[in-house]
Structure formats: C-alpha cells, structure tokens
Amino acid sequence: MNMIYMDDKGVTRRRPLSRIGMAKEYIKDNYARQLPLKEVADAVDLNTSYFSNFFKLKTGKKFTDYLLDVRMDHAVELLCDPRTKIYEIGMLVGYEDVVSFGRAFKKKFKMSPRQYRENVIF
C-alpha cells in the first residue's frame, strides 16, 4: 500500500505506508462489518498478539478503541441526516443490532444516538 502526497515542489509522490498506516487504511475500508483483530493483523502480515501491542504502542489506543472511534465518527456523520433511522446507522457502521450500537455509542458519547441527534445536532 502506498500513500500519495505532494512534495514541497508540488510534485505528486508515493510513499509506502507503515504497518500501522496500512492497518488504519484497512480499518477505514472495512469498519462497516465485523472486523476482528486477527483479520487486521493478517492483513498487515503480523502476529495477532504482536500487532495488538504494536498498535497500542504506535497509536496510543487499543485496537478495539480505535475501531470504536472510526465507527462512531461515521455514525455521527450519518446522524446528521434525520431521514436515516438509528438502527440503519448501527448496521451501516458495523453493528448487527441496534442494542449493541446504542451501547457502544453511549460508551463514547455518554448519551444515546437519539439524544445526540436531538441535543447536539439539531
């Protein structure tokens, strides 16, 4: 995997992503479904235990917390559209049921998705 960037002369360049960069890209591309740690570790060709410790060391977050953050960031974007039902948002960000989504959302924001939509967004 490569990262595309522009150098100081305005020339587009490619640079190989680090393993953590590759993992973050993989998570970003696959957060909307069940995404076990082992799958991401395999995607970046690392042992699961080593990857877990390495990810925490490099990002400052556990894999599960990082995945939660990615999912919740997308959930907040989706909550801005009042036509999208909360259970649909949960499914779109990787939760199989609305209860699990609501629990995860409340863990991060200290309020339900409905309360967030009513009090923060609108």
C-alpha atoms as a PDB file:
ATOM      1  CA  MET A   1       0.000   0.000   0.000  1.00  0.00           C
ATOM      2  CA  ASN A   2       1.188   3.463  -0.837  1.00  0.00           C
ATOM      3  CA  MET A   3       0.318   6.884   0.455  1.00  0.00           C
ATOM      4  CA  ILE A   4       0.008   9.603  -2.160  1.00  0.00           C
ATOM      5  CA  TYR A   5       1.287  13.030  -1.133  1.00  0.00           C
ATOM      6  CA  MET A   6       2.582  16.226  -2.665  1.00  0.00           C
ATOM      7  CA  ASP A   7       6.174  17.219  -2.003  1.00  0.00           C
ATOM      8  CA  ASP A   8       7.334  20.796  -1.355  1.00  0.00           C
ATOM      9  CA  LYS A   9       7.727  21.392  -5.117  1.00  0.00           C
ATOM     10  CA  GLY A  10       4.135  20.387  -5.855  1.00  0.00           C
ATOM     11  CA  VAL A  11       5.059  17.019  -7.352  1.00  0.00           C
ATOM     12  CA  THR A  12       2.795  14.083  -6.545  1.00  0.00           C
ATOM     13  CA  ARG A  13       4.734  11.253  -4.921  1.00  0.00           C
ATOM     14  CA  ARG A  14       4.011   7.836  -3.478  1.00  0.00           C
ATOM     15  CA  ARG A  15       5.418   6.541  -0.238  1.00  0.00           C
ATOM     16  CA  PRO A  16       4.885   3.080   1.234  1.00  0.00           C
ATOM     17  CA  LEU A  17       2.594   3.116   4.256  1.00  0.00           C
ATOM     18  CA  SER A  18       3.897   1.822   7.554  1.00  0.00           C
ATOM     19  CA  ARG A  19       2.253  -1.286   9.003  1.00  0.00           C
ATOM     20  CA  ILE A  20       0.193   0.950  11.272  1.00  0.00           C
ATOM     21  CA  GLY A  21      -0.755   3.133   8.307  1.00  0.00           C
ATOM     22  CA  MET A  22      -1.766   0.010   6.411  1.00  0.00           C
ATOM     23  CA  ALA A  23      -3.807  -1.191   9.395  1.00  0.00           C
ATOM     24  CA  LYS A  24      -5.587   2.159   9.688  1.00  0.00           C
ATOM     25  CA  GLU A  25      -6.424   2.102   5.980  1.00  0.00           C
ATOM     26  CA  TYR A  26      -7.708  -1.458   6.285  1.00  0.00           C
ATOM     27  CA  ILE A  27      -9.886  -0.469   9.240  1.00  0.00           C
ATOM     28  CA  LYS A  28     -11.187   2.583   7.372  1.00  0.00           C
ATOM     29  CA  ASP A  29     -12.104   0.402   4.393  1.00  0.00           C
ATOM     30  CA  ASN A  30     -13.730  -2.376   6.458  1.00  0.00           C
ATOM     31  CA  TYR A  31     -15.197  -0.830   9.628  1.00  0.00           C
ATOM     32  CA  ALA A  32     -18.777  -1.350   8.408  1.00  0.00           C
ATOM     33  CA  ARG A  33     -18.685  -5.089   9.055  1.00  0.00           C
ATOM     34  CA  GLN A  34     -17.431  -7.447  11.723  1.00  0.00           C
ATOM     35  CA  LEU A  35     -13.704  -6.769  11.900  1.00  0.00           C
ATOM     36  CA  PRO A  36     -11.690  -8.973  14.235  1.00  0.00           C
ATOM     37  CA  LEU A  37      -8.199  -8.031  15.361  1.00  0.00           C
ATOM     38  CA  LYS A  38      -6.804 -11.187  13.755  1.00  0.00           C
ATOM     39  CA  GLU A  39      -8.072 -10.152  10.321  1.00  0.00           C
ATOM     40  CA  VAL A  40      -6.354  -6.779  10.511  1.00  0.00           C
ATOM     41  CA  ALA A  41      -3.162  -8.349  11.875  1.00  0.00           C
ATOM     42  CA  ASP A  42      -3.193 -10.839   8.994  1.00  0.00           C
ATOM     43  CA  ALA A  43      -3.767  -8.009   6.511  1.00  0.00           C
ATOM     44  CA  VAL A  44      -0.547  -6.335   7.637  1.00  0.00           C
ATOM     45  CA  ASP A  45       1.290  -9.659   7.986  1.00  0.00           C
ATOM     46  CA  LEU A  46       1.846  -9.559  11.753  1.00  0.00           C
ATOM     47  CA  ASN A  47       1.164 -11.994  14.574  1.00  0.00           C
ATOM     48  CA  THR A  48      -2.089 -11.083  16.350  1.00  0.00           C
ATOM     49  CA  SER A  49      -0.540 -10.606  19.787  1.00  0.00           C
ATOM     50  CA  TYR A  50       2.387  -8.595  18.428  1.00  0.00           C
ATOM     51  CA  PHE A  51       0.068  -6.470  16.296  1.00  0.00           C
ATOM     52  CA  SER A  52      -2.172  -5.707  19.275  1.00  0.00           C
ATOM     53  CA  ASN A  53       0.760  -4.473  21.370  1.00  0.00           C
ATOM     54  CA  PHE A  54       2.409  -2.658  18.441  1.00  0.00           C
ATOM     55  CA  PHE A  55      -0.848  -0.900  17.503  1.00  0.00           C
ATOM     56  CA  LYS A  56      -1.315   0.339  21.077  1.00  0.00           C
ATOM     57  CA  LEU A  57       2.298   1.485  21.261  1.00  0.00           C
ATOM     58  CA  LYS A  58       2.154   3.424  17.987  1.00  0.00           C
ATOM     59  CA  THR A  59      -1.374   4.885  18.206  1.00  0.00           C
ATOM     60  CA  GLY A  60      -1.860   5.186  21.957  1.00  0.00           C
ATOM     61  CA  LYS A  61      -5.142   3.281  21.614  1.00  0.00           C
ATOM     62  CA  LYS A  62      -6.197  -0.329  21.832  1.00  0.00           C
ATOM     63  CA  PHE A  63      -7.395  -1.763  18.531  1.00  0.00           C
ATOM     64  CA  THR A  64     -10.975  -2.032  19.822  1.00  0.00           C
ATOM     65  CA  ASP A  65     -10.977   1.603  20.964  1.00  0.00           C
ATOM     66  CA  TYR A  66      -9.621   2.771  17.616  1.00  0.00           C
ATOM     67  CA  LEU A  67     -12.251   0.761  15.734  1.00  0.00           C
ATOM     68  CA  LEU A  68     -14.937   2.205  18.017  1.00  0.00           C
ATOM     69  CA  ASP A  69     -13.709   5.743  17.257  1.00  0.00           C
ATOM     70  CA  VAL A  70     -13.800   5.139  13.496  1.00  0.00           C
ATOM     71  CA  ARG A  71     -17.296   3.678  13.689  1.00  0.00           C
ATOM     72  CA  MET A  72     -18.608   6.448  15.919  1.00  0.00           C
ATOM     73  CA  ASP A  73     -17.134   9.190  13.724  1.00  0.00           C
ATOM     74  CA  HIS A  74     -19.085   7.760  10.811  1.00  0.00           C
ATOM     75  CA  ALA A  75     -22.194   7.295  12.955  1.00  0.00           C
ATOM     76  CA  VAL A  76     -22.146  10.982  13.902  1.00  0.00           C
ATOM     77  CA  GLU A  77     -21.963  11.931  10.215  1.00  0.00           C
ATOM     78  CA  LEU A  78     -24.945   9.691   9.481  1.00  0.00           C
ATOM     79  CA  LEU A  79     -26.934  11.071  12.417  1.00  0.00           C
ATOM     80  CA  CYS A  80     -26.928  14.450  10.686  1.00  0.00           C
ATOM     81  CA  ASP A  81     -29.467  13.130   8.202  1.00  0.00           C
ATOM     82  CA  PRO A  82     -32.778  12.871  10.086  1.00  0.00           C
ATOM     83  CA  ARG A  83     -34.158  10.549   7.403  1.00  0.00           C
ATOM     84  CA  THR A  84     -31.684   7.816   8.376  1.00  0.00           C
ATOM     85  CA  LYS A  85     -33.061   5.626  11.121  1.00  0.00           C
ATOM     86  CA  ILE A  86     -30.850   4.868  14.104  1.00  0.00           C
ATOM     87  CA  TYR A  87     -30.976   1.109  13.569  1.00  0.00           C
ATOM     88  CA  GLU A  88     -29.866   1.684   9.953  1.00  0.00           C
ATOM     89  CA  ILE A  89     -26.929   3.767  11.152  1.00  0.00           C
ATOM     90  CA  GLY A  90     -25.916   0.974  13.504  1.00  0.00           C
ATOM     91  CA  MET A  91     -25.893  -1.522  10.649  1.00  0.00           C
ATOM     92  CA  LEU A  92     -24.023   0.891   8.363  1.00  0.00           C
ATOM     93  CA  VAL A  93     -21.188   1.288  10.874  1.00  0.00           C
ATOM     94  CA  GLY A  94     -20.715  -2.396  11.647  1.00  0.00           C
ATOM     95  CA  TYR A  95     -23.190  -3.405  14.355  1.00  0.00           C
ATOM     96  CA  GLU A  96     -25.534  -6.327  13.902  1.00  0.00           C
ATOM     97  CA  ASP A  97     -28.206  -4.953  16.203  1.00  0.00           C
ATOM     98  CA  VAL A  98     -29.366  -1.586  17.491  1.00  0.00           C
ATOM     99  CA  VAL A  99     -28.757  -2.535  21.139  1.00  0.00           C
ATOM    100  CA  SER A 100     -25.039  -3.137  20.560  1.00  0.00           C
ATOM    101  CA  PHE A 101     -24.788   0.074  18.564  1.00  0.00           C
ATOM    102  CA  GLY A 102     -26.579   2.060  21.257  1.00  0.00           C
ATOM    103  CA  ARG A 103     -24.347   0.627  23.974  1.00  0.00           C
ATOM    104  CA  ALA A 104     -21.179   1.453  22.020  1.00  0.00           C
ATOM    105  CA  PHE A 105     -22.419   4.945  21.168  1.00  0.00           C
ATOM    106  CA  LYS A 106     -23.292   5.639  24.791  1.00  0.00           C
ATOM    107  CA  LYS A 107     -19.852   4.405  25.893  1.00  0.00           C
ATOM    108  CA  LYS A 108     -18.202   7.048  23.733  1.00  0.00           C
ATOM    109  CA  PHE A 109     -20.625   9.986  23.978  1.00  0.00           C
ATOM    110  CA  LYS A 110     -22.356   9.387  27.330  1.00  0.00           C
ATOM    111  CA  MET A 111     -25.759   9.640  25.616  1.00  0.00           C
ATOM    112  CA  SER A 112     -27.835   7.587  23.216  1.00  0.00           C
ATOM    113  CA  PRO A 113     -27.732   8.188  19.456  1.00  0.00           C
ATOM    114  CA  ARG A 114     -31.260   9.630  19.643  1.00  0.00           C
ATOM    115  CA  GLN A 115     -30.270  12.051  22.433  1.00  0.00           C
ATOM    116  CA  TYR A 116     -27.165  13.046  20.463  1.00  0.00           C
ATOM    117  CA  ARG A 117     -29.232  13.712  17.365  1.00  0.00           C
ATOM    118  CA  GLU A 118     -31.814  15.755  19.284  1.00  0.00           C
ATOM    119  CA  ASN A 119     -29.490  17.710  21.579  1.00  0.00           C
ATOM    120  CA  VAL A 120     -26.188  18.076  19.748  1.00  0.00           C
ATOM    121  CA  ILE A 121     -27.028  18.075  16.067  1.00  0.00           C
ATOM    122  CA  PHE A 122     -30.489  19.668  15.903  1.00  0.00           C
END
